[in-house]
Amino acid sequence: MNAKVSGLRETFGTHTRGFIVALVIAAAATFLSEHYAAPVMLFALLIGMAFHFLAEDESCRPGIEFSAKTLLRFGVGLLGLRLSLGDVESLGWVSVLAIVGFVLATLGCGVLLSTLLGRRSAFGLLAGGSVAICGASAALAIASVLPKHPSREEDTLFVVVGVTALSTIAMIAYPILFQAMGMNDLESGFLIGATIHDVAQVVGAGYSISDEAGVVATFVKMLRVALLPVVMVVVMVSFRGSQSQKVGLPGFLVMFVLLAILANSGLLPDDVIAAVNELSRWCLIVAISALGVKTSLAKFLHVRPSYAAILCVETLFLLLIALAFVKWVGV
């Protein structure tokens, strides 16, 4: 018992400094957002980037990593309480099927581009999966079931850096683009959830527009994340080399779905839902702040030209087919 308590204290101690850094940045971003009527997520990201040097500090790194990953996933899971049946019904089954189509088309685009540029099909699946599903997380997951190769680790690193760069740019640029195109909150939320790579940037971009756009963007993003196990199985079967790997749904996705069901059951008091929603909001702001601290602009300049071309074209391809769907079919 004493050993467990000591272990918890040690873990808490190693995470404290980095977490406090992210929390202070989140508080500063919230203050600026309330006084200057600008997106709090954008402030959190930009202020965090100014403190990137702390990501290399051994005393802060564990807390920063915890805030950017574990706290983010916990905050996203809590967002399930904000999802109403009306949000799902407002999208419709056609939009849900479109998300599946976007993922498949982007995977195909990745394999085709990789072949045309003289890269291996495995890299095409790695890059396509990261763009189509959930950025760096998908890249790491897919890489774990690809057959071993001398350059696998290097390829994965380049994809992680590339999609993180593109996702960060998209978080800032897409809300401006969609609003300039006259998209309403539902359409903007759908497009953000369907096109931005990483979960953190989807949440940041969605809530920079409005709460409604943020909830819709998160729901759409969860649909894409739910396809990760399916894609991993397809990759395993395609290469027939890693079939013993176990594939499961991410825990935060399961949490999101369960809380969404609970919220729509009418069993929870409104005060409880409001309190949890506020907790979720702070978790996400702190997580985005930590993500900003982790973001190194210098690393974005070291992506190979051919890799960068594949990732950029895939990102543009996904954006264009999503825009075409909203324009010609609607959500």
C-alpha atoms as a PDB file:
ATOM      1  CA  MET A   1       0.000   0.000   0.000  1.00  0.00           C
ATOM      2  CA  ASN A   2       2.794   2.378   0.974  1.00  0.00           C
ATOM      3  CA  ALA A   3       4.606   1.521  -2.258  1.00  0.00           C
ATOM      4  CA  LYS A   4       1.519   2.441  -4.304  1.00  0.00           C
ATOM      5  CA  VAL A   5       1.126   5.739  -2.438  1.00  0.00           C
ATOM      6  CA  SER A   6       4.804   6.521  -2.976  1.00  0.00           C
ATOM      7  CA  GLY A   7       4.442   5.713  -6.672  1.00  0.00           C
ATOM      8  CA  LEU A   8       1.470   8.037  -7.011  1.00  0.00           C
ATOM      9  CA  ARG A   9       3.317  10.824  -5.220  1.00  0.00           C
ATOM     10  CA  GLU A  10       6.341  10.379  -7.474  1.00  0.00           C
ATOM     11  CA  THR A  11       4.174  10.429 -10.614  1.00  0.00           C
ATOM     12  CA  PHE A  12       2.302  13.500  -9.401  1.00  0.00           C
ATOM     13  CA  GLY A  13       5.562  15.235  -8.572  1.00  0.00           C
ATOM     14  CA  THR A  14       7.123  14.644 -11.984  1.00  0.00           C
ATOM     15  CA  HIS A  15       4.035  15.974 -13.769  1.00  0.00           C
ATOM     16  CA  THR A  16       3.390  19.032 -11.608  1.00  0.00           C
ATOM     17  CA  ARG A  17       5.708  21.617 -13.177  1.00  0.00           C
ATOM     18  CA  GLY A  18       4.771  20.982 -16.770  1.00  0.00           C
ATOM     19  CA  PHE A  19       1.075  20.872 -15.909  1.00  0.00           C
ATOM     20  CA  ILE A  20       1.320  24.194 -14.032  1.00  0.00           C
ATOM     21  CA  VAL A  21       3.054  25.764 -17.045  1.00  0.00           C
ATOM     22  CA  ALA A  22       0.212  24.645 -19.330  1.00  0.00           C
ATOM     23  CA  LEU A  23      -2.394  25.768 -16.782  1.00  0.00           C
ATOM     24  CA  VAL A  24      -0.872  29.271 -16.480  1.00  0.00           C
ATOM     25  CA  ILE A  25      -0.768  29.616 -20.280  1.00  0.00           C
ATOM     26  CA  ALA A  26      -4.406  28.469 -20.443  1.00  0.00           C
ATOM     27  CA  ALA A  27      -5.393  31.061 -17.819  1.00  0.00           C
ATOM     28  CA  ALA A  28      -3.560  33.796 -19.738  1.00  0.00           C
ATOM     29  CA  ALA A  29      -5.218  32.727 -22.999  1.00  0.00           C
ATOM     30  CA  THR A  30      -8.637  32.771 -21.329  1.00  0.00           C
ATOM     31  CA  PHE A  31      -8.005  36.273 -19.939  1.00  0.00           C
ATOM     32  CA  LEU A  32      -6.930  37.612 -23.345  1.00  0.00           C
ATOM     33  CA  SER A  33      -9.838  35.896 -25.095  1.00  0.00           C
ATOM     34  CA  GLU A  34     -12.398  37.426 -22.717  1.00  0.00           C
ATOM     35  CA  HIS A  35     -10.916  40.912 -23.028  1.00  0.00           C
ATOM     36  CA  TYR A  36     -10.196  40.986 -26.756  1.00  0.00           C
ATOM     37  CA  ALA A  37     -13.009  38.768 -28.085  1.00  0.00           C
ATOM     38  CA  ALA A  38     -10.647  36.414 -29.926  1.00  0.00           C
ATOM     39  CA  PRO A  39     -10.517  32.589 -29.979  1.00  0.00           C
ATOM     40  CA  VAL A  40      -9.119  31.237 -26.715  1.00  0.00           C
ATOM     41  CA  MET A  41      -7.694  28.149 -28.449  1.00  0.00           C
ATOM     42  CA  LEU A  42      -5.666  30.308 -30.827  1.00  0.00           C
ATOM     43  CA  PHE A  43      -4.266  32.357 -27.951  1.00  0.00           C
ATOM     44  CA  ALA A  44      -3.403  29.154 -26.074  1.00  0.00           C
ATOM     45  CA  LEU A  45      -1.570  27.730 -29.089  1.00  0.00           C
ATOM     46  CA  LEU A  46       0.398  30.886 -29.884  1.00  0.00           C
ATOM     47  CA  ILE A  47       1.383  31.654 -26.291  1.00  0.00           C
ATOM     48  CA  GLY A  48       2.381  28.041 -25.808  1.00  0.00           C
ATOM     49  CA  MET A  49       4.628  28.139 -28.873  1.00  0.00           C
ATOM     50  CA  ALA A  50       6.531  31.059 -27.300  1.00  0.00           C
ATOM     51  CA  PHE A  51       7.490  28.739 -24.436  1.00  0.00           C
ATOM     52  CA  HIS A  52       8.688  25.841 -26.588  1.00  0.00           C
ATOM     53  CA  PHE A  53      12.052  25.839 -24.797  1.00  0.00           C
ATOM     54  CA  LEU A  54      10.287  24.401 -21.738  1.00  0.00           C
ATOM     55  CA  ALA A  55       9.400  21.269 -23.714  1.00  0.00           C
ATOM     56  CA  GLU A  56      13.114  20.388 -23.595  1.00  0.00           C
ATOM     57  CA  ASP A  57      13.343  20.955 -19.847  1.00  0.00           C
ATOM     58  CA  GLU A  58      13.511  17.614 -18.026  1.00  0.00           C
ATOM     59  CA  SER A  59      11.467  18.897 -15.077  1.00  0.00           C
ATOM     60  CA  CYS A  60       8.642  20.197 -17.311  1.00  0.00           C
ATOM     61  CA  ARG A  61       8.558  17.613 -20.098  1.00  0.00           C
ATOM     62  CA  PRO A  62       6.507  14.907 -18.306  1.00  0.00           C
ATOM     63  CA  GLY A  63       3.777  17.367 -17.323  1.00  0.00           C
ATOM     64  CA  ILE A  64       3.686  18.898 -20.804  1.00  0.00           C
ATOM     65  CA  GLU A  65       3.366  15.441 -22.370  1.00  0.00           C
ATOM     66  CA  PHE A  66       0.647  14.498 -19.892  1.00  0.00           C
ATOM     67  CA  SER A  67      -1.322  17.681 -20.612  1.00  0.00           C
ATOM     68  CA  ALA A  68      -0.983  17.419 -24.398  1.00  0.00           C
ATOM     69  CA  LYS A  69      -1.972  13.741 -24.587  1.00  0.00           C
ATOM     70  CA  THR A  70      -3.739  12.289 -21.546  1.00  0.00           C
ATOM     71  CA  LEU A  71      -5.542  15.473 -20.541  1.00  0.00           C
ATOM     72  CA  LEU A  72      -6.538  16.128 -24.144  1.00  0.00           C
ATOM     73  CA  ARG A  73      -8.057  12.668 -24.540  1.00  0.00           C
ATOM     74  CA  PHE A  74      -9.872  13.016 -21.213  1.00  0.00           C
ATOM     75  CA  GLY A  75     -11.261  16.400 -22.265  1.00  0.00           C
ATOM     76  CA  VAL A  76     -12.357  15.058 -25.646  1.00  0.00           C
ATOM     77  CA  GLY A  77     -14.035  12.091 -23.942  1.00  0.00           C
ATOM     78  CA  LEU A  78     -15.982  14.480 -21.701  1.00  0.00           C
ATOM     79  CA  LEU A  79     -17.260  16.294 -24.798  1.00  0.00           C
ATOM     80  CA  GLY A  80     -19.660  13.385 -25.262  1.00  0.00           C
ATOM     81  CA  LEU A  81     -21.936  15.067 -22.700  1.00  0.00           C
ATOM     82  CA  ARG A  82     -22.353  17.991 -25.106  1.00  0.00           C
ATOM     83  CA  LEU A  83     -23.519  15.858 -28.006  1.00  0.00           C
ATOM     84  CA  SER A  84     -27.276  15.757 -28.431  1.00  0.00           C
ATOM     85  CA  LEU A  85     -29.342  13.571 -30.716  1.00  0.00           C
ATOM     86  CA  GLY A  86     -30.192  16.758 -32.560  1.00  0.00           C
ATOM     87  CA  ASP A  87     -26.514  17.133 -33.529  1.00  0.00           C
ATOM     88  CA  VAL A  88     -26.467  13.627 -35.002  1.00  0.00           C
ATOM     89  CA  GLU A  89     -29.801  14.065 -36.751  1.00  0.00           C
ATOM     90  CA  SER A  90     -28.670  17.398 -38.172  1.00  0.00           C
ATOM     91  CA  LEU A  91     -25.826  15.612 -39.972  1.00  0.00           C
ATOM     92  CA  GLY A  92     -27.784  12.616 -41.255  1.00  0.00           C
ATOM     93  CA  TRP A  93     -26.624   9.227 -42.502  1.00  0.00           C
ATOM     94  CA  VAL A  94     -25.492  10.626 -45.842  1.00  0.00           C
ATOM     95  CA  SER A  95     -22.898  12.776 -44.079  1.00  0.00           C
ATOM     96  CA  VAL A  96     -21.773   9.834 -41.937  1.00  0.00           C
ATOM     97  CA  LEU A  97     -21.287   7.681 -45.040  1.00  0.00           C
ATOM     98  CA  ALA A  98     -19.456  10.580 -46.675  1.00  0.00           C
ATOM     99  CA  ILE A  99     -16.893  10.523 -43.854  1.00  0.00           C
ATOM    100  CA  VAL A 100     -16.199   6.851 -44.588  1.00  0.00           C
ATOM    101  CA  GLY A 101     -15.827   7.731 -48.260  1.00  0.00           C
ATOM    102  CA  PHE A 102     -13.412  10.579 -47.461  1.00  0.00           C
ATOM    103  CA  VAL A 103     -11.187   8.217 -45.458  1.00  0.00           C
ATOM    104  CA  LEU A 104     -11.106   5.557 -48.167  1.00  0.00           C
ATOM    105  CA  ALA A 105     -10.481   8.091 -50.926  1.00  0.00           C
ATOM    106  CA  THR A 106      -7.625   9.732 -48.997  1.00  0.00           C
ATOM    107  CA  LEU A 107      -5.998   6.340 -48.356  1.00  0.00           C
ATOM    108  CA  GLY A 108      -6.206   5.580 -52.065  1.00  0.00           C
ATOM    109  CA  CYS A 109      -4.778   8.995 -52.884  1.00  0.00           C
ATOM    110  CA  GLY A 110      -1.833   8.333 -50.564  1.00  0.00           C
ATOM    111  CA  VAL A 111      -0.981   4.991 -52.173  1.00  0.00           C
ATOM    112  CA  LEU A 112      -1.304   6.441 -55.679  1.00  0.00           C
ATOM    113  CA  LEU A 113       0.888   9.475 -54.926  1.00  0.00           C
ATOM    114  CA  SER A 114       3.475   7.310 -53.203  1.00  0.00           C
ATOM    115  CA  THR A 115       3.684   5.045 -56.268  1.00  0.00           C
ATOM    116  CA  LEU A 116       3.922   7.971 -58.702  1.00  0.00           C
ATOM    117  CA  LEU A 117       6.738   9.589 -56.692  1.00  0.00           C
ATOM    118  CA  GLY A 118       8.696   6.359 -56.407  1.00  0.00           C
ATOM    119  CA  ARG A 119       7.907   5.626 -52.764  1.00  0.00           C
ATOM    120  CA  ARG A 120       6.699   2.347 -51.319  1.00  0.00           C
ATOM    121  CA  SER A 121       2.988   1.611 -51.000  1.00  0.00           C
ATOM    122  CA  ALA A 122       3.559   1.145 -47.262  1.00  0.00           C
ATOM    123  CA  PHE A 123       4.541   4.797 -47.017  1.00  0.00           C
ATOM    124  CA  GLY A 124       1.416   5.737 -48.969  1.00  0.00           C
ATOM    125  CA  LEU A 125      -0.760   3.908 -46.431  1.00  0.00           C
ATOM    126  CA  LEU A 126       1.156   5.483 -43.572  1.00  0.00           C
ATOM    127  CA  ALA A 127       0.775   9.005 -44.954  1.00  0.00           C
ATOM    128  CA  GLY A 128      -2.774   8.448 -46.206  1.00  0.00           C
ATOM    129  CA  GLY A 129      -3.902   7.028 -42.883  1.00  0.00           C
ATOM    130  CA  SER A 130      -2.422   9.900 -40.911  1.00  0.00           C
ATOM    131  CA  VAL A 131      -4.196  12.490 -43.082  1.00  0.00           C
ATOM    132  CA  ALA A 132      -7.449  10.564 -43.364  1.00  0.00           C
ATOM    133  CA  ILE A 133      -7.932   9.608 -39.715  1.00  0.00           C
ATOM    134  CA  CYS A 134      -6.159  11.318 -36.822  1.00  0.00           C
ATOM    135  CA  GLY A 135      -2.747  12.645 -37.731  1.00  0.00           C
ATOM    136  CA  ALA A 136       0.268  11.644 -35.655  1.00  0.00           C
ATOM    137  CA  SER A 137      -1.700   9.123 -33.583  1.00  0.00           C
ATOM    138  CA  ALA A 138      -2.834   7.267 -36.701  1.00  0.00           C
ATOM    139  CA  ALA A 139       0.687   7.367 -38.133  1.00  0.00           C
ATOM    140  CA  LEU A 140       2.111   5.723 -35.017  1.00  0.00           C
ATOM    141  CA  ALA A 141      -0.701   3.162 -34.880  1.00  0.00           C
ATOM    142  CA  ILE A 142      -0.401   2.196 -38.558  1.00  0.00           C
ATOM    143  CA  ALA A 143       3.399   2.061 -38.360  1.00  0.00           C
ATOM    144  CA  SER A 144       3.078  -0.486 -35.546  1.00  0.00           C
ATOM    145  CA  VAL A 145       1.376  -3.002 -37.881  1.00  0.00           C
ATOM    146  CA  LEU A 146       3.429  -2.367 -41.032  1.00  0.00           C
ATOM    147  CA  PRO A 147       6.162  -4.885 -41.901  1.00  0.00           C
ATOM    148  CA  LYS A 148       9.629  -4.012 -40.591  1.00  0.00           C
ATOM    149  CA  HIS A 149      11.830  -1.896 -42.845  1.00  0.00           C
ATOM    150  CA  PRO A 150      15.165  -0.091 -42.243  1.00  0.00           C
ATOM    151  CA  SER A 151      13.588   3.322 -42.923  1.00  0.00           C
ATOM    152  CA  ARG A 152      10.274   2.672 -41.168  1.00  0.00           C
ATOM    153  CA  GLU A 153      11.126   4.707 -38.081  1.00  0.00           C
ATOM    154  CA  GLU A 154      12.432   7.598 -40.176  1.00  0.00           C
ATOM    155  CA  ASP A 155       9.367   7.531 -42.434  1.00  0.00           C
ATOM    156  CA  THR A 156       7.089   7.575 -39.412  1.00  0.00           C
ATOM    157  CA  LEU A 157       8.954  10.523 -37.896  1.00  0.00           C
ATOM    158  CA  PHE A 158       8.670  12.550 -41.103  1.00  0.00           C
ATOM    159  CA  VAL A 159       4.951  11.809 -41.363  1.00  0.00           C
ATOM    160  CA  VAL A 160       4.381  12.783 -37.721  1.00  0.00           C
ATOM    161  CA  VAL A 161       6.239  16.068 -38.169  1.00  0.00           C
ATOM    162  CA  GLY A 162       4.522  16.788 -41.490  1.00  0.00           C
ATOM    163  CA  VAL A 163       0.952  16.132 -40.406  1.00  0.00           C
ATOM    164  CA  THR A 164       1.518  18.054 -37.174  1.00  0.00           C
ATOM    165  CA  ALA A 165       2.711  21.056 -39.172  1.00  0.00           C
ATOM    166  CA  LEU A 166      -0.188  20.865 -41.622  1.00  0.00           C
ATOM    167  CA  SER A 167      -2.701  20.304 -38.848  1.00  0.00           C
ATOM    168  CA  THR A 168      -1.435  23.339 -36.939  1.00  0.00           C
ATOM    169  CA  ILE A 169      -1.661  25.508 -40.056  1.00  0.00           C
ATOM    170  CA  ALA A 170      -5.152  24.164 -40.770  1.00  0.00           C
ATOM    171  CA  MET A 171      -6.283  24.927 -37.212  1.00  0.00           C
ATOM    172  CA  ILE A 172      -5.552  28.600 -37.829  1.00  0.00           C
ATOM    173  CA  ALA A 173      -6.454  28.894 -41.518  1.00  0.00           C
ATOM    174  CA  TYR A 174      -9.552  26.700 -41.956  1.00  0.00           C
ATOM    175  CA  PRO A 175     -11.911  28.605 -39.615  1.00  0.00           C
ATOM    176  CA  ILE A 176     -11.005  31.824 -41.437  1.00  0.00           C
ATOM    177  CA  LEU A 177     -11.470  30.135 -44.838  1.00  0.00           C
ATOM    178  CA  PHE A 178     -14.834  28.573 -44.036  1.00  0.00           C
ATOM    179  CA  GLN A 179     -16.247  31.756 -42.519  1.00  0.00           C
ATOM    180  CA  ALA A 180     -15.011  33.749 -45.526  1.00  0.00           C
ATOM    181  CA  MET A 181     -16.901  31.272 -47.733  1.00  0.00           C
ATOM    182  CA  GLY A 182     -20.102  31.999 -45.805  1.00  0.00           C
ATOM    183  CA  MET A 183     -20.365  28.601 -44.096  1.00  0.00           C
ATOM    184  CA  ASN A 184     -22.698  28.371 -41.115  1.00  0.00           C
ATOM    185  CA  ASP A 185     -21.647  26.778 -37.812  1.00  0.00           C
ATOM    186  CA  LEU A 186     -22.927  23.321 -38.784  1.00  0.00           C
ATOM    187  CA  GLU A 187     -21.131  23.327 -42.134  1.00  0.00           C
ATOM    188  CA  SER A 188     -17.928  24.752 -40.641  1.00  0.00           C
ATOM    189  CA  GLY A 189     -17.973  22.187 -37.836  1.00  0.00           C
ATOM    190  CA  PHE A 190     -18.489  19.349 -40.311  1.00  0.00           C
ATOM    191  CA  LEU A 191     -15.648  20.535 -42.550  1.00  0.00           C
ATOM    192  CA  ILE A 192     -13.250  21.034 -39.660  1.00  0.00           C
ATOM    193  CA  GLY A 193     -14.004  17.596 -38.240  1.00  0.00           C
ATOM    194  CA  ALA A 194     -13.727  16.000 -41.694  1.00  0.00           C
ATOM    195  CA  THR A 195     -10.489  17.631 -42.851  1.00  0.00           C
ATOM    196  CA  ILE A 196      -8.110  18.570 -40.014  1.00  0.00           C
ATOM    197  CA  HIS A 197      -5.750  15.769 -39.036  1.00  0.00           C
ATOM    198  CA  ASP A 198      -5.151  15.762 -35.274  1.00  0.00           C
ATOM    199  CA  VAL A 199      -7.886  15.664 -32.634  1.00  0.00           C
ATOM    200  CA  ALA A 200      -6.361  18.562 -30.685  1.00  0.00           C
ATOM    201  CA  GLN A 201      -6.383  20.899 -33.679  1.00  0.00           C
ATOM    202  CA  VAL A 202      -9.939  19.862 -34.618  1.00  0.00           C
ATOM    203  CA  VAL A 203     -11.140  20.815 -31.143  1.00  0.00           C
ATOM    204  CA  GLY A 204      -9.181  24.070 -31.208  1.00  0.00           C
ATOM    205  CA  ALA A 205     -10.432  25.096 -34.661  1.00  0.00           C
ATOM    206  CA  GLY A 206     -14.043  24.095 -33.994  1.00  0.00           C
ATOM    207  CA  TYR A 207     -14.385  25.971 -30.732  1.00  0.00           C
ATOM    208  CA  SER A 208     -12.640  29.017 -32.192  1.00  0.00           C
ATOM    209  CA  ILE A 209     -15.796  29.434 -34.318  1.00  0.00           C
ATOM    210  CA  SER A 210     -18.522  28.556 -31.806  1.00  0.00           C
ATOM    211  CA  ASP A 211     -19.599  25.918 -29.298  1.00  0.00           C
ATOM    212  CA  GLU A 212     -21.959  24.370 -31.864  1.00  0.00           C
ATOM    213  CA  ALA A 213     -19.197  24.134 -34.461  1.00  0.00           C
ATOM    214  CA  GLY A 214     -16.889  22.647 -31.830  1.00  0.00           C
ATOM    215  CA  VAL A 215     -19.329  19.897 -30.850  1.00  0.00           C
ATOM    216  CA  VAL A 216     -20.114  18.989 -34.471  1.00  0.00           C
ATOM    217  CA  ALA A 217     -16.408  19.031 -35.396  1.00  0.00           C
ATOM    218  CA  THR A 218     -15.573  16.733 -32.477  1.00  0.00           C
ATOM    219  CA  PHE A 219     -18.373  14.306 -33.361  1.00  0.00           C
ATOM    220  CA  VAL A 220     -17.275  14.127 -37.000  1.00  0.00           C
ATOM    221  CA  LYS A 221     -13.683  13.667 -35.903  1.00  0.00           C
ATOM    222  CA  MET A 222     -14.745  10.791 -33.625  1.00  0.00           C
ATOM    223  CA  LEU A 223     -16.272   9.095 -36.660  1.00  0.00           C
ATOM    224  CA  ARG A 224     -12.900   9.267 -38.392  1.00  0.00           C
ATOM    225  CA  VAL A 225     -11.041   8.036 -35.304  1.00  0.00           C
ATOM    226  CA  ALA A 226     -13.464   5.090 -35.047  1.00  0.00           C
ATOM    227  CA  LEU A 227     -12.231   3.922 -38.456  1.00  0.00           C
ATOM    228  CA  LEU A 228      -8.620   3.571 -37.246  1.00  0.00           C
ATOM    229  CA  PRO A 229      -8.967  -0.075 -36.102  1.00  0.00           C
ATOM    230  CA  VAL A 230     -10.569  -0.940 -39.453  1.00  0.00           C
ATOM    231  CA  VAL A 231      -7.720   0.659 -41.389  1.00  0.00           C
ATOM    232  CA  MET A 232      -5.149  -1.090 -39.195  1.00  0.00           C
ATOM    233  CA  VAL A 233      -6.766  -4.456 -39.921  1.00  0.00           C
ATOM    234  CA  VAL A 234      -6.736  -3.678 -43.658  1.00  0.00           C
ATOM    235  CA  VAL A 235      -3.030  -2.813 -43.462  1.00  0.00           C
ATOM    236  CA  MET A 236      -2.271  -6.000 -41.521  1.00  0.00           C
ATOM    237  CA  VAL A 237      -4.142  -8.163 -44.023  1.00  0.00           C
ATOM    238  CA  SER A 238      -2.559  -6.351 -46.985  1.00  0.00           C
ATOM    239  CA  PHE A 239       0.978  -7.106 -45.863  1.00  0.00           C
ATOM    240  CA  ARG A 240       0.159 -10.397 -44.118  1.00  0.00           C
ATOM    241  CA  GLY A 241       2.977  -9.967 -41.652  1.00  0.00           C
ATOM    242  CA  SER A 242       1.537  -8.679 -38.388  1.00  0.00           C
ATOM    243  CA  GLN A 243      -1.723 -10.507 -37.926  1.00  0.00           C
ATOM    244  CA  SER A 244      -1.094 -11.255 -34.279  1.00  0.00           C
ATOM    245  CA  GLN A 245      -1.369  -7.565 -33.390  1.00  0.00           C
ATOM    246  CA  LYS A 246      -4.355  -6.615 -31.256  1.00  0.00           C
ATOM    247  CA  VAL A 247      -6.426  -3.683 -32.464  1.00  0.00           C
ATOM    248  CA  GLY A 248      -9.003  -1.857 -30.390  1.00  0.00           C
ATOM    249  CA  LEU A 249     -10.937   1.376 -30.141  1.00  0.00           C
ATOM    250  CA  PRO A 250      -9.215   4.314 -28.401  1.00  0.00           C
ATOM    251  CA  GLY A 251     -10.377   4.699 -24.803  1.00  0.00           C
ATOM    252  CA  PHE A 252     -11.377   8.342 -25.214  1.00  0.00           C
ATOM    253  CA  LEU A 253     -13.618   7.401 -28.148  1.00  0.00           C
ATOM    254  CA  VAL A 254     -15.414   4.798 -26.015  1.00  0.00           C
ATOM    255  CA  MET A 255     -15.757   7.387 -23.238  1.00  0.00           C
ATOM    256  CA  PHE A 256     -17.158   9.946 -25.700  1.00  0.00           C
ATOM    257  CA  VAL A 257     -19.821   7.530 -26.957  1.00  0.00           C
ATOM    258  CA  LEU A 258     -20.839   6.326 -23.471  1.00  0.00           C
ATOM    259  CA  LEU A 259     -21.173   9.868 -22.116  1.00  0.00           C
ATOM    260  CA  ALA A 260     -23.146  10.931 -25.198  1.00  0.00           C
ATOM    261  CA  ILE A 261     -25.603   8.081 -24.530  1.00  0.00           C
ATOM    262  CA  LEU A 262     -25.793   9.050 -20.842  1.00  0.00           C
ATOM    263  CA  ALA A 263     -26.366  12.728 -21.653  1.00  0.00           C
ATOM    264  CA  ASN A 264     -29.262  11.913 -23.965  1.00  0.00           C
ATOM    265  CA  SER A 265     -30.850   9.509 -21.480  1.00  0.00           C
ATOM    266  CA  GLY A 266     -32.027  12.368 -19.292  1.00  0.00           C
ATOM    267  CA  LEU A 267     -30.557  10.772 -16.152  1.00  0.00           C
ATOM    268  CA  LEU A 268     -28.041  13.538 -15.399  1.00  0.00           C
ATOM    269  CA  PRO A 269     -29.084  16.882 -13.836  1.00  0.00           C
ATOM    270  CA  ASP A 270     -28.362  19.980 -15.896  1.00  0.00           C
ATOM    271  CA  ASP A 271     -26.055  21.325 -13.175  1.00  0.00           C
ATOM    272  CA  VAL A 272     -23.869  18.222 -13.377  1.00  0.00           C
ATOM    273  CA  ILE A 273     -23.684  18.423 -17.170  1.00  0.00           C
ATOM    274  CA  ALA A 274     -22.792  22.129 -16.971  1.00  0.00           C
ATOM    275  CA  ALA A 275     -20.025  21.452 -14.439  1.00  0.00           C
ATOM    276  CA  VAL A 276     -18.539  18.614 -16.494  1.00  0.00           C
ATOM    277  CA  ASN A 277     -18.717  20.731 -19.648  1.00  0.00           C
ATOM    278  CA  GLU A 278     -16.752  23.478 -17.897  1.00  0.00           C
ATOM    279  CA  LEU A 279     -14.186  20.903 -16.748  1.00  0.00           C
ATOM    280  CA  SER A 280     -13.933  19.641 -20.327  1.00  0.00           C
ATOM    281  CA  ARG A 281     -13.410  23.180 -21.617  1.00  0.00           C
ATOM    282  CA  TRP A 282     -10.521  23.783 -19.237  1.00  0.00           C
ATOM    283  CA  CYS A 283      -8.969  20.398 -19.991  1.00  0.00           C
ATOM    284  CA  LEU A 284      -8.961  21.244 -23.682  1.00  0.00           C
ATOM    285  CA  ILE A 285      -7.539  24.751 -23.218  1.00  0.00           C
ATOM    286  CA  VAL A 286      -4.744  23.378 -21.015  1.00  0.00           C
ATOM    287  CA  ALA A 287      -4.102  20.614 -23.573  1.00  0.00           C
ATOM    288  CA  ILE A 288      -3.897  23.065 -26.470  1.00  0.00           C
ATOM    289  CA  SER A 289      -1.519  25.213 -24.398  1.00  0.00           C
ATOM    290  CA  ALA A 290       0.717  22.177 -23.853  1.00  0.00           C
ATOM    291  CA  LEU A 291       0.490  21.312 -27.538  1.00  0.00           C
ATOM    292  CA  GLY A 292       1.721  24.831 -28.312  1.00  0.00           C
ATOM    293  CA  VAL A 293       4.683  24.348 -25.979  1.00  0.00           C
ATOM    294  CA  LYS A 294       5.523  21.101 -27.791  1.00  0.00           C
ATOM    295  CA  THR A 295       5.300  22.723 -31.235  1.00  0.00           C
ATOM    296  CA  SER A 296       8.688  23.467 -32.794  1.00  0.00           C
ATOM    297  CA  LEU A 297       8.598  25.558 -35.947  1.00  0.00           C
ATOM    298  CA  ALA A 298      12.214  24.608 -36.697  1.00  0.00           C
ATOM    299  CA  LYS A 299      11.347  20.907 -37.013  1.00  0.00           C
ATOM    300  CA  PHE A 300       8.734  21.695 -39.649  1.00  0.00           C
ATOM    301  CA  LEU A 301      11.530  22.752 -42.007  1.00  0.00           C
ATOM    302  CA  HIS A 302      13.193  19.319 -42.025  1.00  0.00           C
ATOM    303  CA  VAL A 303      10.543  17.339 -43.887  1.00  0.00           C
ATOM    304  CA  ARG A 304      11.737  15.738 -47.156  1.00  0.00           C
ATOM    305  CA  PRO A 305      10.369  17.458 -50.293  1.00  0.00           C
ATOM    306  CA  SER A 306       8.747  14.299 -51.705  1.00  0.00           C
ATOM    307  CA  TYR A 307       7.188  13.437 -48.337  1.00  0.00           C
ATOM    308  CA  ALA A 308       5.988  16.995 -47.927  1.00  0.00           C
ATOM    309  CA  ALA A 309       4.467  16.919 -51.425  1.00  0.00           C
ATOM    310  CA  ILE A 310       2.527  13.722 -50.679  1.00  0.00           C
ATOM    311  CA  LEU A 311       1.187  15.045 -47.372  1.00  0.00           C
ATOM    312  CA  CYS A 312       0.282  18.458 -48.818  1.00  0.00           C
ATOM    313  CA  VAL A 313      -1.517  17.015 -51.843  1.00  0.00           C
ATOM    314  CA  GLU A 314      -3.414  14.557 -49.638  1.00  0.00           C
ATOM    315  CA  THR A 315      -4.436  17.383 -47.298  1.00  0.00           C
ATOM    316  CA  LEU A 316      -5.613  19.507 -50.211  1.00  0.00           C
ATOM    317  CA  PHE A 317      -7.404  16.512 -51.763  1.00  0.00           C
ATOM    318  CA  LEU A 318      -9.299  15.824 -48.529  1.00  0.00           C
ATOM    319  CA  LEU A 319     -10.258  19.489 -48.203  1.00  0.00           C
ATOM    320  CA  LEU A 320     -11.516  19.699 -51.789  1.00  0.00           C
ATOM    321  CA  ILE A 321     -13.686  16.571 -51.674  1.00  0.00           C
ATOM    322  CA  ALA A 322     -15.170  17.692 -48.341  1.00  0.00           C
ATOM    323  CA  LEU A 323     -15.925  21.152 -49.751  1.00  0.00           C
ATOM    324  CA  ALA A 324     -17.458  19.579 -52.860  1.00  0.00           C
ATOM    325  CA  PHE A 325     -19.691  17.399 -50.676  1.00  0.00           C
ATOM    326  CA  VAL A 326     -20.923  20.372 -48.631  1.00  0.00           C
ATOM    327  CA  LYS A 327     -21.536  22.430 -51.771  1.00  0.00           C
ATOM    328  CA  TRP A 328     -23.286  19.808 -53.900  1.00  0.00           C
ATOM    329  CA  VAL A 329     -24.888  17.551 -51.305  1.00  0.00           C
ATOM    330  CA  GLY A 330     -24.984  19.565 -48.088  1.00  0.00           C
ATOM    331  CA  VAL A 331     -24.994  18.534 -44.418  1.00  0.00           C
END
